[in-house]
């Protein structure tokens, strides 16, 4: 018969109150839009991949979601999502549609946003 493990109790600070829950972090991106486009071109991928990355970055900023929140909502690992946002890995259509769904969008709508980002690349 297996025993259930007890969950550790939150530690109280010196005043006796429970620690406050941390606010989610704001998204921080290490690449500029120009770098995203350049990496996509260097990888011989279509510019739509750069547009998708830029569109997802914008949606994350608007929603105030860090990578962890989007990864959880899209059912994708944080490391995989991070590699997508740094243009190290490229998502399949299925994964891009899961990211779009996390924002309440259909894949075609995310692609529209991606195409707009690419069309506006000269103003980036």
Protein backbone atom coordinates (compact mmCIF):
# COMPACT_ATOMS: atom_id res chain seq x y z
CA UNK A 1 0.00 0.00 0.00
CA UNK A 2 1.49 3.28 -1.12
CA UNK A 3 1.42 6.32 1.07
CA UNK A 4 0.49 9.65 -0.35
CA UNK A 5 3.22 12.24 -0.13
CA UNK A 6 2.35 15.29 1.84
CA UNK A 7 2.65 18.62 0.13
CA UNK A 8 5.05 20.91 1.98
CA UNK A 9 3.39 23.76 3.77
CA UNK A 10 4.29 27.26 2.60
CA UNK A 11 6.86 28.76 4.93
CA UNK A 12 5.79 31.75 6.91
CA UNK A 13 8.00 34.79 7.13
CA UNK A 14 9.08 36.27 10.48
CA UNK A 15 5.83 38.19 10.82
CA UNK A 16 3.90 34.91 10.63
CA UNK A 17 2.09 35.67 7.37
CA UNK A 18 2.28 33.50 4.26
CA UNK A 19 4.49 34.65 1.38
CA UNK A 20 2.75 36.62 -1.33
CA UNK A 21 2.22 35.01 -4.70
CA UNK A 22 4.59 36.43 -7.28
CA UNK A 23 3.11 38.34 -10.18
CA UNK A 24 3.77 36.75 -13.59
CA UNK A 25 6.79 38.16 -15.38
CA UNK A 26 6.35 40.32 -18.43
CA UNK A 27 7.60 38.81 -21.70
CA UNK A 28 11.19 39.69 -22.54
CA UNK A 29 12.60 38.92 -25.97
CA UNK A 30 16.28 38.75 -26.72
CA UNK A 31 15.93 39.30 -30.47
CA UNK A 32 14.93 42.41 -32.37
CA UNK A 33 12.48 42.04 -35.27
CA UNK A 34 15.37 42.53 -37.71
CA UNK A 35 17.31 39.69 -36.06
CA UNK A 36 14.28 37.39 -36.27
CA UNK A 37 13.96 38.05 -40.00
CA UNK A 38 17.71 37.63 -40.53
CA UNK A 39 17.79 34.28 -38.71
CA UNK A 40 14.84 33.02 -40.72
CA UNK A 41 16.54 34.04 -43.98
CA UNK A 42 19.83 32.43 -42.91
CA UNK A 43 17.96 29.18 -42.25
CA UNK A 44 16.50 29.28 -45.78
CA UNK A 45 12.95 29.38 -44.46
CA UNK A 46 10.10 31.40 -45.87
CA UNK A 47 9.59 34.79 -44.29
CA UNK A 48 6.22 33.63 -42.97
CA UNK A 49 8.12 31.85 -40.17
CA UNK A 50 9.64 35.17 -39.09
CA UNK A 51 6.21 36.77 -39.32
CA UNK A 52 4.73 34.06 -37.10
CA UNK A 53 7.45 34.59 -34.49
CA UNK A 54 6.95 38.36 -34.57
CA UNK A 55 3.15 38.01 -34.38
CA UNK A 56 3.42 35.66 -31.38
CA UNK A 57 5.82 38.08 -29.67
CA UNK A 58 3.35 40.93 -30.19
CA UNK A 59 0.45 38.84 -28.88
CA UNK A 60 2.48 37.86 -25.82
CA UNK A 61 3.29 41.53 -25.15
CA UNK A 62 -0.37 42.54 -25.53
CA UNK A 63 -1.55 39.74 -23.24
CA UNK A 64 1.32 40.30 -20.80
CA UNK A 65 2.15 36.60 -20.97
CA UNK A 66 5.63 35.30 -20.27
CA UNK A 67 6.79 32.14 -22.05
CA UNK A 68 5.60 29.91 -19.21
CA UNK A 69 2.00 31.08 -19.48
CA UNK A 70 1.85 30.65 -23.26
CA UNK A 71 3.57 27.26 -23.07
CA UNK A 72 1.03 26.06 -20.53
CA UNK A 73 -1.95 27.33 -22.50
CA UNK A 74 -0.66 25.94 -25.81
CA UNK A 75 0.46 22.63 -24.26
CA UNK A 76 4.02 23.08 -25.52
CA UNK A 77 7.20 22.85 -23.46
CA UNK A 78 8.77 26.15 -22.45
CA UNK A 79 12.09 25.16 -23.99
CA UNK A 80 10.49 24.35 -27.35
CA UNK A 81 8.57 27.62 -27.34
CA UNK A 82 11.71 29.52 -26.38
CA UNK A 83 13.61 27.95 -29.30
CA UNK A 84 10.76 28.96 -31.63
CA UNK A 85 10.88 32.56 -30.37
CA UNK A 86 14.67 32.65 -30.86
CA UNK A 87 14.29 31.14 -34.37
CA UNK A 88 16.29 28.06 -33.42
CA UNK A 89 13.45 25.63 -34.19
CA UNK A 90 10.54 25.96 -36.55
CA UNK A 91 7.03 24.92 -35.63
CA UNK A 92 4.81 22.59 -37.57
CA UNK A 93 1.40 23.82 -38.63
CA UNK A 94 -0.10 21.82 -35.77
CA UNK A 95 2.04 23.58 -33.15
CA UNK A 96 1.43 27.02 -34.64
CA UNK A 97 -2.32 26.34 -34.54
CA UNK A 98 -2.03 25.40 -30.83
CA UNK A 99 -0.23 28.68 -30.13
CA UNK A 100 -2.93 30.57 -32.06
CA UNK A 101 -5.65 28.74 -30.12
CA UNK A 102 -4.01 29.75 -26.83
CA UNK A 103 -4.71 33.36 -27.84
CA UNK A 104 -8.24 32.48 -28.99
CA UNK A 105 -7.31 32.76 -32.67
CA UNK A 106 -7.62 30.45 -35.65
CA UNK A 107 -4.46 29.57 -37.56
CA UNK A 108 -5.49 31.67 -40.57
CA UNK A 109 -5.83 34.76 -38.35
CA UNK A 110 -2.34 34.27 -36.89
CA UNK A 111 -1.02 33.85 -40.44
CA UNK A 112 -2.73 37.11 -41.42
CA UNK A 113 -0.97 38.85 -38.55
CA UNK A 114 2.31 37.20 -39.61
CA UNK A 115 1.90 38.38 -43.21
CA UNK A 116 1.20 41.90 -41.96
CA UNK A 117 4.38 41.83 -39.83
CA UNK A 118 6.42 40.81 -42.90
CA UNK A 119 4.75 43.44 -45.10
CA UNK A 120 5.66 46.04 -42.44
CA UNK A 121 9.24 44.76 -42.10
CA UNK A 122 10.64 47.88 -43.75
CA UNK A 123 9.18 49.97 -40.94
CA UNK A 124 10.65 47.75 -38.18
